[in-house]
PDB file of N, CA and C in Angstrom:
ATOM      1  N   UNK A   1     -69.051 -17.197 138.876  1.00  0.00           N
ATOM      2  CA  UNK A   1     -69.019 -15.892 138.256  1.00  0.00           C
ATOM      3  C   UNK A   1     -67.631 -15.668 137.651  1.00  0.00           C
ATOM      4  N   UNK A   2     -67.579 -15.201 136.428  1.00  0.00           N
ATOM      5  CA  UNK A   2     -66.325 -14.972 135.710  1.00  0.00           C
ATOM      6  C   UNK A   2     -65.740 -13.604 136.046  1.00  0.00           C
ATOM      7  N   UNK A   3     -64.434 -13.540 135.946  1.00  0.00           N
ATOM      8  CA  UNK A   3     -63.719 -12.275 136.091  1.00  0.00           C
ATOM      9  C   UNK A   3     -63.096 -11.949 134.743  1.00  0.00           C
ATOM     10  N   UNK A   4     -63.293 -10.734 134.276  1.00  0.00           N
ATOM     11  CA  UNK A   4     -62.761 -10.283 132.998  1.00  0.00           C
ATOM     12  C   UNK A   4     -61.645  -9.267 133.272  1.00  0.00           C
ATOM     13  N   UNK A   5     -60.498  -9.476 132.636  1.00  0.00           N
ATOM     14  CA  UNK A   5     -59.388  -8.525 132.740  1.00  0.00           C
ATOM     15  C   UNK A   5     -59.269  -7.783 131.427  1.00  0.00           C
ATOM     16  N   UNK A   6     -58.899  -6.500 131.503  1.00  0.00           N
ATOM     17  CA  UNK A   6     -58.740  -5.657 130.317  1.00  0.00           C
ATOM     18  C   UNK A   6     -57.304  -5.145 130.284  1.00  0.00           C
ATOM     19  N   UNK A   7     -56.654  -5.298 129.113  1.00  0.00           N
ATOM     20  CA  UNK A   7     -55.305  -4.770 128.925  1.00  0.00           C
ATOM     21  C   UNK A   7     -55.280  -3.898 127.680  1.00  0.00           C
ATOM     22  N   UNK A   8     -54.315  -3.000 127.629  1.00  0.00           N
ATOM     23  CA  UNK A   8     -54.151  -2.139 126.459  1.00  0.00           C
ATOM     24  C   UNK A   8     -52.897  -2.547 125.699  1.00  0.00           C
ATOM     25  N   UNK A   9     -53.010  -2.581 124.378  1.00  0.00           N
ATOM     26  CA  UNK A   9     -51.907  -2.953 123.502  1.00  0.00           C
ATOM     27  C   UNK A   9     -51.887  -2.028 122.291  1.00  0.00           C
ATOM     28  N   UNK A  10     -50.753  -1.991 121.605  1.00  0.00           N
ATOM     29  CA  UNK A  10     -50.652  -1.276 120.335  1.00  0.00           C
ATOM     30  C   UNK A  10     -50.173  -2.265 119.289  1.00  0.00           C
ATOM     31  N   UNK A  11     -50.979  -2.442 118.248  1.00  0.00           N
ATOM     32  CA  UNK A  11     -50.597  -3.282 117.119  1.00  0.00           C
ATOM     33  C   UNK A  11     -50.018  -2.419 116.013  1.00  0.00           C
ATOM     34  N   UNK A  12     -49.059  -2.963 115.290  1.00  0.00           N
ATOM     35  CA  UNK A  12     -48.389  -2.232 114.216  1.00  0.00           C
ATOM     36  C   UNK A  12     -48.555  -2.958 112.889  1.00  0.00           C
ATOM     37  N   UNK A  13     -48.539  -2.194 111.801  1.00  0.00           N
ATOM     38  CA  UNK A  13     -48.624  -2.779 110.464  1.00  0.00           C
ATOM     39  C   UNK A  13     -48.112  -1.783 109.430  1.00  0.00           C
ATOM     40  N   UNK A  14     -47.572  -2.300 108.361  1.00  0.00           N
ATOM     41  CA  UNK A  14     -47.224  -1.450 107.219  1.00  0.00           C
ATOM     42  C   UNK A  14     -48.329  -1.505 106.169  1.00  0.00           C
ATOM     43  N   UNK A  15     -49.356  -2.316 106.399  1.00  0.00           N
ATOM     44  CA  UNK A  15     -50.434  -2.527 105.424  1.00  0.00           C
ATOM     45  C   UNK A  15     -51.669  -1.653 105.673  1.00  0.00           C
ATOM     46  N   UNK A  16     -52.056  -1.479 106.944  1.00  0.00           N
ATOM     47  CA  UNK A  16     -53.259  -0.700 107.222  1.00  0.00           C
ATOM     48  C   UNK A  16     -53.681  -0.823 108.673  1.00  0.00           C
ATOM     49  N   UNK A  17     -54.685   0.003 109.071  1.00  0.00           N
ATOM     50  CA  UNK A  17     -55.135   0.015 110.457  1.00  0.00           C
ATOM     51  C   UNK A  17     -55.817  -1.279 110.867  1.00  0.00           C
ATOM     52  N   UNK A  18     -56.626  -1.852 110.004  1.00  0.00           N
ATOM     53  CA  UNK A  18     -57.267  -3.122 110.361  1.00  0.00           C
ATOM     54  C   UNK A  18     -56.232  -4.206 110.611  1.00  0.00           C
ATOM     55  N   UNK A  19     -55.208  -4.233 109.793  1.00  0.00           N
ATOM     56  CA  UNK A  19     -54.127  -5.203 109.964  1.00  0.00           C
ATOM     57  C   UNK A  19     -53.392  -4.949 111.279  1.00  0.00           C
ATOM     58  N   UNK A  20     -53.214  -3.692 111.651  1.00  0.00           N
ATOM     59  CA  UNK A  20     -52.563  -3.359 112.917  1.00  0.00           C
ATOM     60  C   UNK A  20     -53.389  -3.877 114.099  1.00  0.00           C
ATOM     61  N   UNK A  21     -54.712  -3.688 114.059  1.00  0.00           N
ATOM     62  CA  UNK A  21     -55.586  -4.200 115.118  1.00  0.00           C
ATOM     63  C   UNK A  21     -55.538  -5.720 115.160  1.00  0.00           C
ATOM     64  N   UNK A  22     -55.557  -6.339 114.000  1.00  0.00           N
ATOM     65  CA  UNK A  22     -55.482  -7.801 113.911  1.00  0.00           C
ATOM     66  C   UNK A  22     -54.153  -8.310 114.487  1.00  0.00           C
ATOM     67  N   UNK A  23     -53.060  -7.591 114.213  1.00  0.00           N
ATOM     68  CA  UNK A  23     -51.753  -7.991 114.735  1.00  0.00           C
ATOM     69  C   UNK A  23     -51.708  -7.916 116.261  1.00  0.00           C
ATOM     70  N   UNK A  24     -52.359  -6.914 116.838  1.00  0.00           N
ATOM     71  CA  UNK A  24     -52.426  -6.815 118.300  1.00  0.00           C
ATOM     72  C   UNK A  24     -53.155  -8.028 118.872  1.00  0.00           C
ATOM     73  N   UNK A  25     -54.279  -8.381 118.268  1.00  0.00           N
ATOM     74  CA  UNK A  25     -55.059  -9.533 118.727  1.00  0.00           C
ATOM     75  C   UNK A  25     -54.292 -10.837 118.538  1.00  0.00           C
ATOM     76  N   UNK A  26     -53.705 -11.026 117.371  1.00  0.00           N
ATOM     77  CA  UNK A  26     -52.973 -12.260 117.073  1.00  0.00           C
ATOM     78  C   UNK A  26     -51.781 -12.431 118.013  1.00  0.00           C
ATOM     79  N   UNK A  27     -51.061 -11.355 118.248  1.00  0.00           N
ATOM     80  CA  UNK A  27     -49.915 -11.423 119.156  1.00  0.00           C
ATOM     81  C   UNK A  27     -50.335 -11.760 120.573  1.00  0.00           C
ATOM     82  N   UNK A  28     -51.394 -11.137 121.052  1.00  0.00           N
ATOM     83  CA  UNK A  28     -51.875 -11.395 122.411  1.00  0.00           C
ATOM     84  C   UNK A  28     -52.396 -12.817 122.559  1.00  0.00           C
ATOM     85  N   UNK A  29     -53.040 -13.335 121.516  1.00  0.00           N
ATOM     86  CA  UNK A  29     -53.633 -14.675 121.573  1.00  0.00           C
ATOM     87  C   UNK A  29     -52.574 -15.769 121.701  1.00  0.00           C
ATOM     88  N   UNK A  30     -51.313 -15.456 121.435  1.00  0.00           N
ATOM     89  CA  UNK A  30     -50.242 -16.446 121.595  1.00  0.00           C
ATOM     90  C   UNK A  30     -50.009 -16.784 123.064  1.00  0.00           C
ATOM     91  N   UNK A  31     -50.298 -15.842 123.962  1.00  0.00           N
ATOM     92  CA  UNK A  31     -50.064 -16.110 125.382  1.00  0.00           C
ATOM     93  C   UNK A  31     -51.314 -15.940 126.250  1.00  0.00           C
ATOM     94  N   UNK A  32     -52.363 -15.333 125.710  1.00  0.00           N
ATOM     95  CA  UNK A  32     -53.607 -15.162 126.461  1.00  0.00           C
ATOM     96  C   UNK A  32     -54.690 -16.045 125.867  1.00  0.00           C
ATOM     97  N   UNK A  33     -55.487 -16.640 126.732  1.00  0.00           N
ATOM     98  CA  UNK A  33     -56.595 -17.479 126.278  1.00  0.00           C
ATOM     99  C   UNK A  33     -57.902 -16.874 126.771  1.00  0.00           C
ATOM    100  N   UNK A  34     -58.958 -17.148 126.092  1.00  0.00           N
ATOM    101  CA  UNK A  34     -60.267 -16.659 126.509  1.00  0.00           C
ATOM    102  C   UNK A  34     -60.518 -15.205 126.171  1.00  0.00           C
ATOM    103  N   UNK A  35     -59.889 -14.694 125.103  1.00  0.00           N
ATOM    104  CA  UNK A  35     -60.141 -13.303 124.689  1.00  0.00           C
ATOM    105  C   UNK A  35     -61.574 -13.222 124.172  1.00  0.00           C
ATOM    106  N   UNK A  36     -62.322 -12.267 124.703  1.00  0.00           N
ATOM    107  CA  UNK A  36     -63.736 -12.160 124.347  1.00  0.00           C
ATOM    108  C   UNK A  36     -64.097 -10.858 123.647  1.00  0.00           C
ATOM    109  N   UNK A  37     -63.164  -9.870 123.670  1.00  0.00           N
ATOM    110  CA  UNK A  37     -63.512  -8.585 123.073  1.00  0.00           C
ATOM    111  C   UNK A  37     -62.246  -7.824 122.717  1.00  0.00           C
ATOM    112  N   UNK A  38     -62.309  -7.108 121.604  1.00  0.00           N
ATOM    113  CA  UNK A  38     -61.264  -6.150 121.245  1.00  0.00           C
ATOM    114  C   UNK A  38     -61.956  -4.823 120.945  1.00  0.00           C
ATOM    115  N   UNK A  39     -61.459  -3.756 121.538  1.00  0.00           N
ATOM    116  CA  UNK A  39     -62.022  -2.425 121.334  1.00  0.00           C
ATOM    117  C   UNK A  39     -60.905  -1.516 120.825  1.00  0.00           C
ATOM    118  N   UNK A  40     -61.102  -0.934 119.666  1.00  0.00           N
ATOM    119  CA  UNK A  40     -60.107  -0.015 119.126  1.00  0.00           C
ATOM    120  C   UNK A  40     -60.324   1.345 119.775  1.00  0.00           C
ATOM    121  N   UNK A  41     -59.273   1.833 120.428  1.00  0.00           N
ATOM    122  CA  UNK A  41     -59.353   3.113 121.126  1.00  0.00           C
ATOM    123  C   UNK A  41     -58.879   4.265 120.242  1.00  0.00           C
ATOM    124  N   UNK A  42     -57.845   4.004 119.436  1.00  0.00           N
ATOM    125  CA  UNK A  42     -57.251   5.090 118.657  1.00  0.00           C
ATOM    126  C   UNK A  42     -56.515   4.525 117.451  1.00  0.00           C
ATOM    127  N   UNK A  43     -56.613   5.222 116.346  1.00  0.00           N
ATOM    128  CA  UNK A  43     -55.841   4.910 115.139  1.00  0.00           C
ATOM    129  C   UNK A  43     -54.797   6.006 114.969  1.00  0.00           C
ATOM    130  N   UNK A  44     -53.541   5.646 114.779  1.00  0.00           N
ATOM    131  CA  UNK A  44     -52.493   6.630 114.505  1.00  0.00           C
ATOM    132  C   UNK A  44     -51.565   6.055 113.440  1.00  0.00           C
ATOM    133  N   UNK A  45     -50.654   6.890 112.953  1.00  0.00           N
ATOM    134  CA  UNK A  45     -49.703   6.431 111.945  1.00  0.00           C
ATOM    135  C   UNK A  45     -48.445   7.274 111.991  1.00  0.00           C
ATOM    136  N   UNK A  46     -47.331   6.647 111.651  1.00  0.00           N
ATOM    137  CA  UNK A  46     -46.078   7.367 111.469  1.00  0.00           C
ATOM    138  C   UNK A  46     -45.998   7.793 110.011  1.00  0.00           C
ATOM    139  N   UNK A  47     -45.462   8.997 109.780  1.00  0.00           N
ATOM    140  CA  UNK A  47     -45.385   9.546 108.426  1.00  0.00           C
ATOM    141  C   UNK A  47     -43.944   9.954 108.125  1.00  0.00           C
ATOM    142  N   UNK A  48     -43.493   9.644 106.928  1.00  0.00           N
ATOM    143  CA  UNK A  48     -42.185  10.091 106.444  1.00  0.00           C
ATOM    144  C   UNK A  48     -42.335  10.478 104.980  1.00  0.00           C
ATOM    145  N   UNK A  49     -41.792  11.608 104.618  1.00  0.00           N
ATOM    146  CA  UNK A  49     -41.859  12.100 103.240  1.00  0.00           C
ATOM    147  C   UNK A  49     -43.289  12.160 102.708  1.00  0.00           C
ATOM    148  N   UNK A  50     -44.225  12.545 103.580  1.00  0.00           N
ATOM    149  CA  UNK A  50     -45.611  12.696 103.166  1.00  0.00           C
ATOM    150  C   UNK A  50     -46.372  11.398 102.968  1.00  0.00           C
ATOM    151  N   UNK A  51     -45.815  10.272 103.406  1.00  0.00           N
ATOM    152  CA  UNK A  51     -46.478   8.968 103.246  1.00  0.00           C
ATOM    153  C   UNK A  51     -46.534   8.249 104.587  1.00  0.00           C
ATOM    154  N   UNK A  52     -47.575   7.477 104.778  1.00  0.00           N
ATOM    155  CA  UNK A  52     -47.686   6.666 105.991  1.00  0.00           C
ATOM    156  C   UNK A  52     -46.691   5.514 105.897  1.00  0.00           C
ATOM    157  N   UNK A  53     -45.891   5.372 106.965  1.00  0.00           N
ATOM    158  CA  UNK A  53     -44.907   4.288 106.993  1.00  0.00           C
ATOM    159  C   UNK A  53     -45.329   3.150 107.915  1.00  0.00           C
ATOM    160  N   UNK A  54     -45.996   3.492 109.014  1.00  0.00           N
ATOM    161  CA  UNK A  54     -46.454   2.474 109.964  1.00  0.00           C
ATOM    162  C   UNK A  54     -47.821   2.858 110.506  1.00  0.00           C
ATOM    163  N   UNK A  55     -48.779   1.953 110.376  1.00  0.00           N
ATOM    164  CA  UNK A  55     -50.112   2.137 110.947  1.00  0.00           C
ATOM    165  C   UNK A  55     -50.093   1.573 112.368  1.00  0.00           C
ATOM    166  N   UNK A  56     -50.795   2.259 113.288  1.00  0.00           N
ATOM    167  CA  UNK A  56     -50.844   1.818 114.673  1.00  0.00           C
ATOM    168  C   UNK A  56     -52.285   1.795 115.145  1.00  0.00           C
ATOM    169  N   UNK A  57     -52.646   0.712 115.832  1.00  0.00           N
ATOM    170  CA  UNK A  57     -53.977   0.590 116.416  1.00  0.00           C
ATOM    171  C   UNK A  57     -53.824   0.356 117.912  1.00  0.00           C
ATOM    172  N   UNK A  58     -54.278   1.329 118.707  1.00  0.00           N
ATOM    173  CA  UNK A  58     -54.281   1.165 120.161  1.00  0.00           C
ATOM    174  C   UNK A  58     -55.593   0.478 120.521  1.00  0.00           C
ATOM    175  N   UNK A  59     -55.492  -0.682 121.149  1.00  0.00           N
ATOM    176  CA  UNK A  59     -56.685  -1.478 121.444  1.00  0.00           C
ATOM    177  C   UNK A  59     -56.740  -1.865 122.919  1.00  0.00           C
ATOM    178  N   UNK A  60     -57.952  -2.161 123.361  1.00  0.00           N
ATOM    179  CA  UNK A  60     -58.166  -2.790 124.662  1.00  0.00           C
ATOM    180  C   UNK A  60     -58.666  -4.203 124.383  1.00  0.00           C
ATOM    181  N   UNK A  61     -58.036  -5.170 125.019  1.00  0.00           N
ATOM    182  CA  UNK A  61     -58.460  -6.566 124.898  1.00  0.00           C
ATOM    183  C   UNK A  61     -59.055  -7.009 126.224  1.00  0.00           C
ATOM    184  N   UNK A  62     -60.162  -7.708 126.158  1.00  0.00           N
ATOM    185  CA  UNK A  62     -60.802  -8.258 127.359  1.00  0.00           C
ATOM    186  C   UNK A  62     -60.713  -9.773 127.275  1.00  0.00           C
ATOM    187  N   UNK A  63     -60.330 -10.388 128.412  1.00  0.00           N
ATOM    188  CA  UNK A  63     -60.242 -11.849 128.436  1.00  0.00           C
ATOM    189  C   UNK A  63     -60.669 -12.374 129.798  1.00  0.00           C
ATOM    190  N   UNK A  64     -61.134 -13.608 129.812  1.00  0.00           N
ATOM    191  CA  UNK A  64     -61.597 -14.252 131.038  1.00  0.00           C
ATOM    192  C   UNK A  64     -60.392 -14.740 131.833  1.00  0.00           C
ATOM    193  N   UNK A  65     -60.374 -14.399 133.111  1.00  0.00           N
ATOM    194  CA  UNK A  65     -59.300 -14.842 133.997  1.00  0.00           C
ATOM    195  C   UNK A  65     -59.630 -16.258 134.464  1.00  0.00           C
ATOM    196  N   UNK A  66     -58.663 -17.171 134.316  1.00  0.00           N
ATOM    197  CA  UNK A  66     -58.874 -18.574 134.753  1.00  0.00           C
ATOM    198  C   UNK A  66     -58.898 -18.672 136.271  1.00  0.00           C
TER     199      UNK A  66
END
């Protein structure tokens, strides 16, 4: 029987929310193996002078524990 662990991360991007979520996954995949799911919990952004400067995606990643 497998054990699944869930962690929360925030990905950042200057391009868009999808890119921010992708960055969270890509960064985590450098040290975690067996990632099976990504769930976006919240989209946020930093704003300066009426423009979005940084997109943020708060995600939960699920991976199989070895």
